[in-house]
Amino acid sequence: MYKVRVILDTKEDVIRTLLVNEKASLENLHFDIAKAFGFNGQEMASFYRTDEDWNQGEEIPLFNMSEAGEGISMATCILHETIPNQHDKLIYVYDFLQMWTFYVEVIEQSNEEVTETKMILSVGEIPEQAPEKEFKADDLSKNIDDEIDDEFNNFESLDDFDFDNY
């Protein structure tokens, strides 16, 4: 059995702790998380592998997206193989139009068996709308024209250009 803590990425604390069968697939966990947070589970979703600092890694989509059918999907990933250790983590994104984002962590493992997922802790209410995501980008305030001007500051005429070196 795994005790899994699922935290919604929002300012308010919205947490669910689930007891799940370690032999369940990520697809089962997807439906369990959706249900625990009041969703119907009908929207597209993905899990993402992550390191201990929650840096997003490889995507595990709900459906196999590869042309040859050899890619991974939630149905082919088993919990105890995907997140085998206590404190292993995943990021879960539900509904790509709304971008509900959750942090999923194995907080405890035991030999006790569960056949059905049980919610053992529920803290906070899910907001009406998904929190807005703040995407950070490089500072692009210096535009390309400024760079070109810097590059050719001392250029006055074609006679100043040394064509032999090119």
N, C-alpha and C. Protein backbone atom coordinates (compact mmCIF):
# COMPACT_ATOMS: atom_id res chain seq x y z
N MET A 1 0.84 -1.17 0.00
CA MET A 1 0.00 0.00 0.00
C MET A 1 0.89 1.24 0.00
N TYR A 2 0.44 2.25 -0.71
CA TYR A 2 1.10 3.54 -0.72
C TYR A 2 0.16 4.56 -0.08
N LYS A 3 0.75 5.42 0.74
CA LYS A 3 0.03 6.60 1.20
C LYS A 3 0.56 7.74 0.35
N VAL A 4 -0.33 8.35 -0.42
CA VAL A 4 0.06 9.36 -1.39
C VAL A 4 -0.57 10.69 -1.01
N ARG A 5 0.27 11.71 -0.90
CA ARG A 5 -0.24 13.06 -0.63
C ARG A 5 -0.31 13.81 -1.95
N VAL A 6 -1.45 14.45 -2.20
CA VAL A 6 -1.67 15.20 -3.43
C VAL A 6 -2.02 16.64 -3.03
N ILE A 7 -1.22 17.58 -3.52
CA ILE A 7 -1.40 18.99 -3.15
C ILE A 7 -1.68 19.79 -4.41
N LEU A 8 -2.77 20.54 -4.40
CA LEU A 8 -3.11 21.43 -5.52
C LEU A 8 -2.19 22.64 -5.47
N ASP A 9 -1.64 23.01 -6.62
CA ASP A 9 -0.76 24.18 -6.72
C ASP A 9 -1.61 25.44 -6.69
N THR A 10 -1.87 25.93 -5.49
CA THR A 10 -2.67 27.13 -5.28
C THR A 10 -2.20 27.79 -3.99
N LYS A 11 -2.61 29.05 -3.77
CA LYS A 11 -2.18 29.77 -2.57
C LYS A 11 -2.75 29.16 -1.30
N GLU A 12 -4.02 28.74 -1.36
CA GLU A 12 -4.66 28.13 -0.20
C GLU A 12 -4.25 26.66 -0.13
N ASP A 13 -4.24 26.10 1.08
CA ASP A 13 -3.95 24.67 1.22
C ASP A 13 -5.12 23.84 0.74
N VAL A 14 -4.89 23.05 -0.30
CA VAL A 14 -5.88 22.10 -0.79
C VAL A 14 -5.13 20.78 -0.97
N ILE A 15 -5.38 19.87 -0.02
CA ILE A 15 -4.59 18.64 0.08
C ILE A 15 -5.52 17.45 0.22
N ARG A 16 -5.13 16.36 -0.43
CA ARG A 16 -5.83 15.09 -0.25
C ARG A 16 -4.76 14.03 -0.01
N THR A 17 -5.00 13.15 0.94
CA THR A 17 -4.12 12.02 1.17
C THR A 17 -4.90 10.75 0.87
N LEU A 18 -4.31 9.92 0.01
CA LEU A 18 -4.97 8.72 -0.46
C LEU A 18 -4.18 7.48 -0.08
N LEU A 19 -4.89 6.39 0.23
CA LEU A 19 -4.28 5.08 0.36
C LEU A 19 -4.57 4.35 -0.94
N VAL A 20 -3.52 3.94 -1.65
CA VAL A 20 -3.70 3.30 -2.95
C VAL A 20 -2.92 1.99 -3.02
N ASN A 21 -3.39 1.11 -3.87
CA ASN A 21 -2.72 -0.16 -4.11
C ASN A 21 -1.46 0.12 -4.92
N GLU A 22 -0.33 -0.36 -4.45
CA GLU A 22 0.94 -0.10 -5.13
C GLU A 22 1.02 -0.76 -6.50
N LYS A 23 0.13 -1.71 -6.76
CA LYS A 23 0.13 -2.39 -8.06
C LYS A 23 -0.83 -1.74 -9.05
N ALA A 24 -1.45 -0.65 -8.63
CA ALA A 24 -2.37 0.08 -9.51
C ALA A 24 -1.57 0.84 -10.57
N SER A 25 -2.22 1.14 -11.67
CA SER A 25 -1.56 1.91 -12.73
C SER A 25 -1.70 3.41 -12.44
N LEU A 26 -0.90 4.19 -13.15
CA LEU A 26 -1.05 5.65 -13.04
C LEU A 26 -2.41 6.09 -13.56
N GLU A 27 -2.98 5.33 -14.48
CA GLU A 27 -4.32 5.65 -14.96
C GLU A 27 -5.33 5.55 -13.82
N ASN A 28 -5.19 4.51 -12.98
CA ASN A 28 -6.06 4.41 -11.80
C ASN A 28 -5.84 5.59 -10.86
N LEU A 29 -4.58 5.95 -10.66
CA LEU A 29 -4.28 7.09 -9.78
C LEU A 29 -4.86 8.38 -10.36
N HIS A 30 -4.79 8.53 -11.67
CA HIS A 30 -5.39 9.69 -12.34
C HIS A 30 -6.87 9.82 -11.97
N PHE A 31 -7.61 8.72 -12.11
CA PHE A 31 -9.04 8.75 -11.78
C PHE A 31 -9.28 8.97 -10.29
N ASP A 32 -8.42 8.39 -9.44
CA ASP A 32 -8.55 8.58 -8.00
C ASP A 32 -8.32 10.03 -7.60
N ILE A 33 -7.30 10.67 -8.19
CA ILE A 33 -7.02 12.07 -7.88
C ILE A 33 -8.16 12.95 -8.39
N ALA A 34 -8.60 12.71 -9.61
CA ALA A 34 -9.69 13.50 -10.18
C ALA A 34 -10.92 13.42 -9.28
N LYS A 35 -11.26 12.22 -8.85
CA LYS A 35 -12.44 12.02 -7.99
C LYS A 35 -12.24 12.72 -6.63
N ALA A 36 -11.04 12.60 -6.05
CA ALA A 36 -10.77 13.19 -4.74
C ALA A 36 -10.90 14.71 -4.76
N PHE A 37 -10.67 15.33 -5.93
CA PHE A 37 -10.76 16.78 -6.04
C PHE A 37 -12.06 17.23 -6.72
N GLY A 38 -12.99 16.30 -6.95
CA GLY A 38 -14.30 16.67 -7.46
C GLY A 38 -14.39 16.78 -8.98
N PHE A 39 -13.44 16.21 -9.70
CA PHE A 39 -13.49 16.23 -11.16
C PHE A 39 -14.05 14.89 -11.65
N ASN A 40 -14.54 14.87 -12.89
CA ASN A 40 -15.11 13.64 -13.42
C ASN A 40 -14.07 12.74 -14.09
N GLY A 41 -12.87 13.23 -14.29
CA GLY A 41 -11.80 12.41 -14.87
C GLY A 41 -11.87 12.31 -16.38
N GLN A 42 -12.70 13.12 -17.02
CA GLN A 42 -12.90 13.02 -18.46
C GLN A 42 -11.99 13.93 -19.28
N GLU A 43 -11.20 14.76 -18.64
CA GLU A 43 -10.30 15.68 -19.35
C GLU A 43 -8.94 15.02 -19.56
N MET A 44 -8.21 15.52 -20.55
CA MET A 44 -6.85 15.04 -20.78
C MET A 44 -5.99 15.38 -19.56
N ALA A 45 -5.01 14.53 -19.32
CA ALA A 45 -4.14 14.72 -18.16
C ALA A 45 -2.81 14.04 -18.43
N SER A 46 -1.80 14.44 -17.67
CA SER A 46 -0.48 13.81 -17.75
C SER A 46 0.17 13.86 -16.38
N PHE A 47 0.96 12.84 -16.12
CA PHE A 47 1.89 12.87 -15.01
C PHE A 47 3.25 13.24 -15.59
N TYR A 48 4.10 13.82 -14.77
CA TYR A 48 5.46 14.15 -15.17
C TYR A 48 6.40 13.65 -14.08
N ARG A 49 7.42 12.93 -14.50
CA ARG A 49 8.43 12.53 -13.54
C ARG A 49 9.09 13.81 -13.03
N THR A 50 9.61 13.76 -11.83
CA THR A 50 10.22 14.94 -11.24
C THR A 50 11.33 14.53 -10.29
N ASP A 51 12.21 15.45 -10.03
CA ASP A 51 13.27 15.18 -9.06
C ASP A 51 12.81 15.66 -7.69
N GLU A 52 13.70 15.61 -6.72
CA GLU A 52 13.31 15.98 -5.35
C GLU A 52 12.95 17.46 -5.21
N ASP A 53 13.37 18.29 -6.17
CA ASP A 53 13.05 19.72 -6.13
C ASP A 53 11.86 20.07 -7.02
N TRP A 54 11.12 19.08 -7.46
CA TRP A 54 9.92 19.25 -8.28
C TRP A 54 10.22 19.79 -9.67
N ASN A 55 11.42 19.57 -10.19
CA ASN A 55 11.73 19.97 -11.56
C ASN A 55 11.08 18.97 -12.51
N GLN A 56 10.28 19.48 -13.42
CA GLN A 56 9.49 18.63 -14.31
C GLN A 56 10.36 17.88 -15.31
N GLY A 57 10.08 16.59 -15.47
CA GLY A 57 10.84 15.74 -16.39
C GLY A 57 9.93 15.09 -17.41
N GLU A 58 10.20 13.82 -17.69
CA GLU A 58 9.49 13.06 -18.73
C GLU A 58 7.98 13.02 -18.49
N GLU A 59 7.24 13.19 -19.57
CA GLU A 59 5.78 13.15 -19.52
C GLU A 59 5.29 11.72 -19.60
N ILE A 60 4.27 11.42 -18.81
CA ILE A 60 3.54 10.15 -18.90
C ILE A 60 2.09 10.53 -19.21
N PRO A 61 1.71 10.49 -20.50
CA PRO A 61 0.37 10.96 -20.89
C PRO A 61 -0.72 9.94 -20.56
N LEU A 62 -1.94 10.41 -20.56
CA LEU A 62 -3.08 9.54 -20.33
C LEU A 62 -3.16 8.47 -21.41
N PHE A 63 -2.92 8.87 -22.66
CA PHE A 63 -2.96 7.93 -23.77
C PHE A 63 -1.60 7.88 -24.45
N ASN A 64 -1.29 6.73 -25.03
CA ASN A 64 -0.06 6.55 -25.79
C ASN A 64 -0.13 7.44 -27.02
N MET A 65 0.81 8.35 -27.15
CA MET A 65 0.78 9.34 -28.23
C MET A 65 1.75 9.00 -29.38
N SER A 66 2.51 7.93 -29.24
CA SER A 66 3.48 7.61 -30.29
C SER A 66 2.80 6.93 -31.48
N GLU A 67 3.36 7.14 -32.65
CA GLU A 67 2.79 6.58 -33.87
C GLU A 67 2.86 5.06 -33.89
N ALA A 68 3.95 4.50 -33.41
CA ALA A 68 4.14 3.06 -33.46
C ALA A 68 3.46 2.34 -32.30
N GLY A 69 2.89 3.11 -31.37
CA GLY A 69 2.22 2.49 -30.24
C GLY A 69 3.18 1.94 -29.19
N GLU A 70 4.43 2.40 -29.23
CA GLU A 70 5.43 1.88 -28.30
C GLU A 70 5.72 2.84 -27.15
N GLY A 71 5.06 3.98 -27.13
CA GLY A 71 5.31 4.96 -26.08
C GLY A 71 4.64 4.57 -24.79
N ILE A 72 4.99 5.30 -23.74
CA ILE A 72 4.38 5.01 -22.44
C ILE A 72 3.06 5.74 -22.31
N SER A 73 2.25 5.24 -21.41
CA SER A 73 1.00 5.89 -21.07
C SER A 73 0.70 5.57 -19.61
N MET A 74 -0.28 6.23 -19.05
CA MET A 74 -0.65 5.97 -17.66
C MET A 74 -1.05 4.51 -17.46
N ALA A 75 -1.70 3.92 -18.45
CA ALA A 75 -2.18 2.54 -18.32
C ALA A 75 -1.02 1.55 -18.22
N THR A 76 0.13 1.88 -18.80
CA THR A 76 1.26 0.94 -18.81
C THR A 76 2.24 1.19 -17.68
N CYS A 77 2.04 2.23 -16.90
CA CYS A 77 2.95 2.55 -15.80
C CYS A 77 2.31 2.16 -14.47
N ILE A 78 2.97 1.25 -13.77
CA ILE A 78 2.48 0.76 -12.48
C ILE A 78 3.14 1.60 -11.38
N LEU A 79 2.36 1.91 -10.34
CA LEU A 79 2.86 2.78 -9.27
C LEU A 79 4.20 2.31 -8.70
N HIS A 80 4.29 1.06 -8.25
CA HIS A 80 5.50 0.62 -7.57
C HIS A 80 6.71 0.55 -8.50
N GLU A 81 6.48 0.60 -9.82
CA GLU A 81 7.59 0.66 -10.76
C GLU A 81 7.96 2.11 -11.11
N THR A 82 6.96 2.96 -11.16
CA THR A 82 7.16 4.36 -11.56
C THR A 82 7.67 5.21 -10.41
N ILE A 83 7.11 5.01 -9.24
CA ILE A 83 7.55 5.73 -8.05
C ILE A 83 7.79 4.69 -6.94
N PRO A 84 8.92 3.99 -7.02
CA PRO A 84 9.14 2.84 -6.14
C PRO A 84 9.48 3.17 -4.68
N ASN A 85 9.91 4.39 -4.40
CA ASN A 85 10.42 4.70 -3.07
C ASN A 85 9.61 5.77 -2.36
N GLN A 86 9.68 5.70 -1.04
CA GLN A 86 9.06 6.75 -0.24
C GLN A 86 9.70 8.07 -0.61
N HIS A 87 8.91 9.11 -0.70
CA HIS A 87 9.30 10.48 -1.08
C HIS A 87 9.54 10.66 -2.58
N ASP A 88 9.26 9.62 -3.38
CA ASP A 88 9.27 9.82 -4.84
C ASP A 88 8.11 10.73 -5.19
N LYS A 89 8.29 11.51 -6.25
CA LYS A 89 7.33 12.56 -6.57
C LYS A 89 6.96 12.55 -8.05
N LEU A 90 5.77 13.05 -8.32
CA LEU A 90 5.28 13.28 -9.68
C LEU A 90 4.54 14.60 -9.69
N ILE A 91 4.51 15.23 -10.84
CA ILE A 91 3.62 16.37 -11.06
C ILE A 91 2.47 15.84 -11.89
N TYR A 92 1.26 16.24 -11.56
CA TYR A 92 0.07 15.79 -12.26
C TYR A 92 -0.67 17.02 -12.79
N VAL A 93 -0.92 17.05 -14.09
CA VAL A 93 -1.66 18.16 -14.70
C VAL A 93 -2.96 17.60 -15.25
N TYR A 94 -4.07 18.18 -14.81
CA TYR A 94 -5.40 17.75 -15.23
C TYR A 94 -6.07 18.88 -16.01
N ASP A 95 -6.60 18.55 -17.17
CA ASP A 95 -7.33 19.50 -18.02
C ASP A 95 -6.39 20.58 -18.54
N PHE A 96 -5.83 20.32 -19.72
CA PHE A 96 -4.82 21.23 -20.27
C PHE A 96 -5.37 22.60 -20.65
N LEU A 97 -6.67 22.76 -20.72
CA LEU A 97 -7.23 24.10 -20.94
C LEU A 97 -7.24 24.90 -19.64
N GLN A 98 -7.45 24.22 -18.52
CA GLN A 98 -7.49 24.89 -17.22
C GLN A 98 -6.15 24.82 -16.48
N MET A 99 -5.38 23.77 -16.78
CA MET A 99 -4.05 23.55 -16.18
C MET A 99 -4.10 23.41 -14.64
N TRP A 100 -5.01 22.56 -14.17
CA TRP A 100 -4.99 22.21 -12.75
C TRP A 100 -3.70 21.43 -12.52
N THR A 101 -2.85 21.90 -11.62
CA THR A 101 -1.55 21.29 -11.40
C THR A 101 -1.44 20.82 -9.95
N PHE A 102 -0.98 19.58 -9.80
CA PHE A 102 -0.90 18.95 -8.49
C PHE A 102 0.50 18.39 -8.26
N TYR A 103 0.90 18.39 -7.00
CA TYR A 103 2.15 17.76 -6.58
C TYR A 103 1.79 16.47 -5.87
N VAL A 104 2.35 15.36 -6.36
CA VAL A 104 2.01 14.02 -5.85
C VAL A 104 3.27 13.43 -5.24
N GLU A 105 3.16 12.97 -3.99
CA GLU A 105 4.33 12.40 -3.32
C GLU A 105 3.93 11.16 -2.53
N VAL A 106 4.76 10.13 -2.63
CA VAL A 106 4.60 8.94 -1.80
C VAL A 106 5.13 9.30 -0.41
N ILE A 107 4.25 9.35 0.58
CA ILE A 107 4.70 9.75 1.92
C ILE A 107 4.89 8.56 2.85
N GLU A 108 4.33 7.41 2.45
CA GLU A 108 4.50 6.22 3.28
C GLU A 108 4.23 4.97 2.45
N GLN A 109 4.94 3.90 2.77
CA GLN A 109 4.71 2.61 2.14
C GLN A 109 4.54 1.57 3.24
N SER A 110 3.69 0.59 2.98
CA SER A 110 3.54 -0.49 3.95
C SER A 110 3.15 -1.77 3.23
N ASN A 111 3.22 -2.89 3.97
CA ASN A 111 2.85 -4.18 3.43
C ASN A 111 1.34 -4.42 3.50
N GLU A 112 0.64 -3.51 4.16
CA GLU A 112 -0.82 -3.62 4.23
C GLU A 112 -1.40 -3.55 2.82
N GLU A 113 -2.42 -4.33 2.56
CA GLU A 113 -3.01 -4.34 1.23
C GLU A 113 -4.32 -3.57 1.22
N VAL A 114 -4.52 -2.81 0.16
CA VAL A 114 -5.80 -2.15 -0.07
C VAL A 114 -6.25 -2.53 -1.48
N THR A 115 -7.51 -2.84 -1.61
CA THR A 115 -8.03 -3.19 -2.93
C THR A 115 -8.67 -1.99 -3.60
N GLU A 116 -9.18 -1.09 -2.77
CA GLU A 116 -9.86 0.10 -3.26
C GLU A 116 -9.19 1.33 -2.68
N THR A 117 -9.02 2.37 -3.49
CA THR A 117 -8.41 3.60 -3.00
C THR A 117 -9.32 4.25 -1.96
N LYS A 118 -8.69 4.73 -0.89
CA LYS A 118 -9.42 5.41 0.18
C LYS A 118 -8.82 6.78 0.40
N MET A 119 -9.67 7.79 0.53
CA MET A 119 -9.19 9.12 0.90
C MET A 119 -9.21 9.17 2.42
N ILE A 120 -8.04 9.44 3.02
CA ILE A 120 -7.97 9.45 4.48
C ILE A 120 -7.80 10.86 5.05
N LEU A 121 -7.53 11.83 4.16
CA LEU A 121 -7.39 13.22 4.62
C LEU A 121 -7.84 14.15 3.51
N SER A 122 -8.65 15.12 3.87
CA SER A 122 -9.09 16.14 2.93
C SER A 122 -8.99 17.50 3.62
N VAL A 123 -8.13 18.37 3.08
CA VAL A 123 -7.93 19.70 3.63
C VAL A 123 -8.21 20.71 2.54
N GLY A 124 -9.06 21.68 2.82
CA GLY A 124 -9.31 22.78 1.90
C GLY A 124 -10.29 22.45 0.79
N GLU A 125 -10.80 23.50 0.21
CA GLU A 125 -11.77 23.39 -0.88
C GLU A 125 -11.11 23.82 -2.18
N ILE A 126 -11.42 23.10 -3.24
CA ILE A 126 -10.87 23.44 -4.54
C ILE A 126 -11.51 24.74 -5.02
N PRO A 127 -10.73 25.67 -5.55
CA PRO A 127 -11.30 26.93 -6.03
C PRO A 127 -12.19 26.71 -7.25
N GLU A 128 -13.02 27.71 -7.54
CA GLU A 128 -13.94 27.63 -8.69
C GLU A 128 -13.17 27.49 -10.01
N GLN A 129 -12.04 28.19 -10.09
CA GLN A 129 -11.23 28.17 -11.31
C GLN A 129 -9.79 27.80 -10.96
N ALA A 130 -9.12 27.19 -11.93
CA ALA A 130 -7.72 26.84 -11.73
C ALA A 130 -6.90 28.10 -11.52
N PRO A 131 -5.93 28.06 -10.62
CA PRO A 131 -5.05 29.22 -10.43
C PRO A 131 -4.30 29.53 -11.72
N GLU A 132 -4.11 30.81 -11.99
CA GLU A 132 -3.36 31.21 -13.19
C GLU A 132 -1.92 30.84 -13.02
N LYS A 133 -1.34 30.34 -14.08
CA LYS A 133 0.08 29.98 -14.06
C LYS A 133 0.89 31.19 -14.49
N GLU A 134 2.01 31.39 -13.81
CA GLU A 134 2.92 32.48 -14.17
C GLU A 134 4.10 31.85 -14.89
N PHE A 135 4.18 32.10 -16.18
CA PHE A 135 5.27 31.56 -16.97
C PHE A 135 6.38 32.59 -17.03
N LYS A 136 7.59 32.16 -16.74
CA LYS A 136 8.73 33.06 -16.75
C LYS A 136 9.53 32.86 -18.03
N ALA A 137 9.96 33.95 -18.59
CA ALA A 137 10.77 33.90 -19.82
C ALA A 137 12.00 34.77 -19.64
N ASP A 138 12.95 34.58 -20.53
CA ASP A 138 14.15 35.42 -20.51
C ASP A 138 13.76 36.87 -20.78
N ASP A 139 14.58 37.79 -20.28
CA ASP A 139 14.34 39.21 -20.52
C ASP A 139 14.64 39.53 -21.97
N LEU A 140 13.62 39.89 -22.70
CA LEU A 140 13.77 40.21 -24.11
C LEU A 140 13.64 41.70 -24.36
N SER A 141 13.92 42.49 -23.31
CA SER A 141 13.74 43.93 -23.44
C SER A 141 14.74 44.56 -24.41
N LYS A 142 15.88 43.94 -24.58
CA LYS A 142 16.85 44.46 -25.55
C LYS A 142 16.53 43.80 -26.89
N ASN A 143 16.09 44.57 -27.84
CA ASN A 143 15.65 43.96 -29.10
C ASN A 143 16.80 43.79 -30.08
N ILE A 144 16.52 43.11 -31.15
CA ILE A 144 17.53 42.75 -32.14
C ILE A 144 18.16 43.97 -32.80
N ASP A 145 17.37 45.04 -32.96
CA ASP A 145 17.92 46.26 -33.57
C ASP A 145 19.04 46.85 -32.72
N ASP A 146 18.86 46.82 -31.41
CA ASP A 146 19.91 47.32 -30.52
C ASP A 146 21.18 46.49 -30.65
N GLU A 147 21.01 45.16 -30.78
CA GLU A 147 22.18 44.29 -30.93
C GLU A 147 22.90 44.59 -32.25
N ILE A 148 22.16 44.79 -33.30
CA ILE A 148 22.77 45.11 -34.60
C ILE A 148 23.49 46.45 -34.52
N ASP A 149 22.85 47.43 -33.88
CA ASP A 149 23.49 48.74 -33.72
C ASP A 149 24.79 48.62 -32.94
N ASP A 150 24.79 47.81 -31.87
CA ASP A 150 26.00 47.61 -31.08
C ASP A 150 27.10 46.97 -31.92
N GLU A 151 26.72 46.01 -32.73
CA GLU A 151 27.68 45.25 -33.54
C GLU A 151 28.36 46.14 -34.59
N PHE A 152 27.64 47.09 -35.14
CA PHE A 152 28.16 47.91 -36.24
C PHE A 152 28.29 49.38 -35.86
N ASN A 153 28.59 49.63 -34.59
CA ASN A 153 28.72 51.00 -34.10
C ASN A 153 29.70 51.85 -34.91
N ASN A 154 30.84 51.28 -35.21
CA ASN A 154 31.89 52.05 -35.87
C ASN A 154 31.89 51.90 -37.38
N PHE A 155 30.87 51.32 -37.92
CA PHE A 155 30.78 51.07 -39.35
C PHE A 155 30.24 52.31 -40.05
N GLU A 156 31.06 52.91 -40.93
CA GLU A 156 30.65 54.12 -41.62
C GLU A 156 30.40 53.88 -43.09
N SER A 157 31.23 53.02 -43.73
CA SER A 157 31.03 52.76 -45.16
C SER A 157 31.57 51.37 -45.49
N LEU A 158 31.28 50.89 -46.69
CA LEU A 158 31.76 49.58 -47.12
C LEU A 158 33.28 49.55 -47.21
N ASP A 159 33.90 50.69 -47.37
CA ASP A 159 35.36 50.74 -47.44
C ASP A 159 36.00 50.33 -46.11
N ASP A 160 35.25 50.47 -45.01
CA ASP A 160 35.77 50.11 -43.70
C ASP A 160 35.73 48.60 -43.44
N PHE A 161 34.98 47.86 -44.22
CA PHE A 161 34.79 46.43 -44.00
C PHE A 161 35.89 45.63 -44.69
N ASP A 162 36.50 44.68 -44.00
CA ASP A 162 37.58 43.86 -44.55
C ASP A 162 36.97 42.58 -45.12
N PHE A 163 36.71 42.57 -46.43
CA PHE A 163 36.10 41.42 -47.10
C PHE A 163 37.07 40.25 -47.25
N ASP A 164 38.37 40.47 -47.17
CA ASP A 164 39.35 39.41 -47.37
C ASP A 164 39.34 38.40 -46.23
N ASN A 165 38.89 38.76 -45.07
CA ASN A 165 38.88 37.86 -43.93
C ASN A 165 37.63 37.01 -43.88
N TYR A 166 36.74 37.08 -44.84
CA TYR A 166 35.50 36.30 -44.82
C TYR A 166 35.44 35.38 -45.95
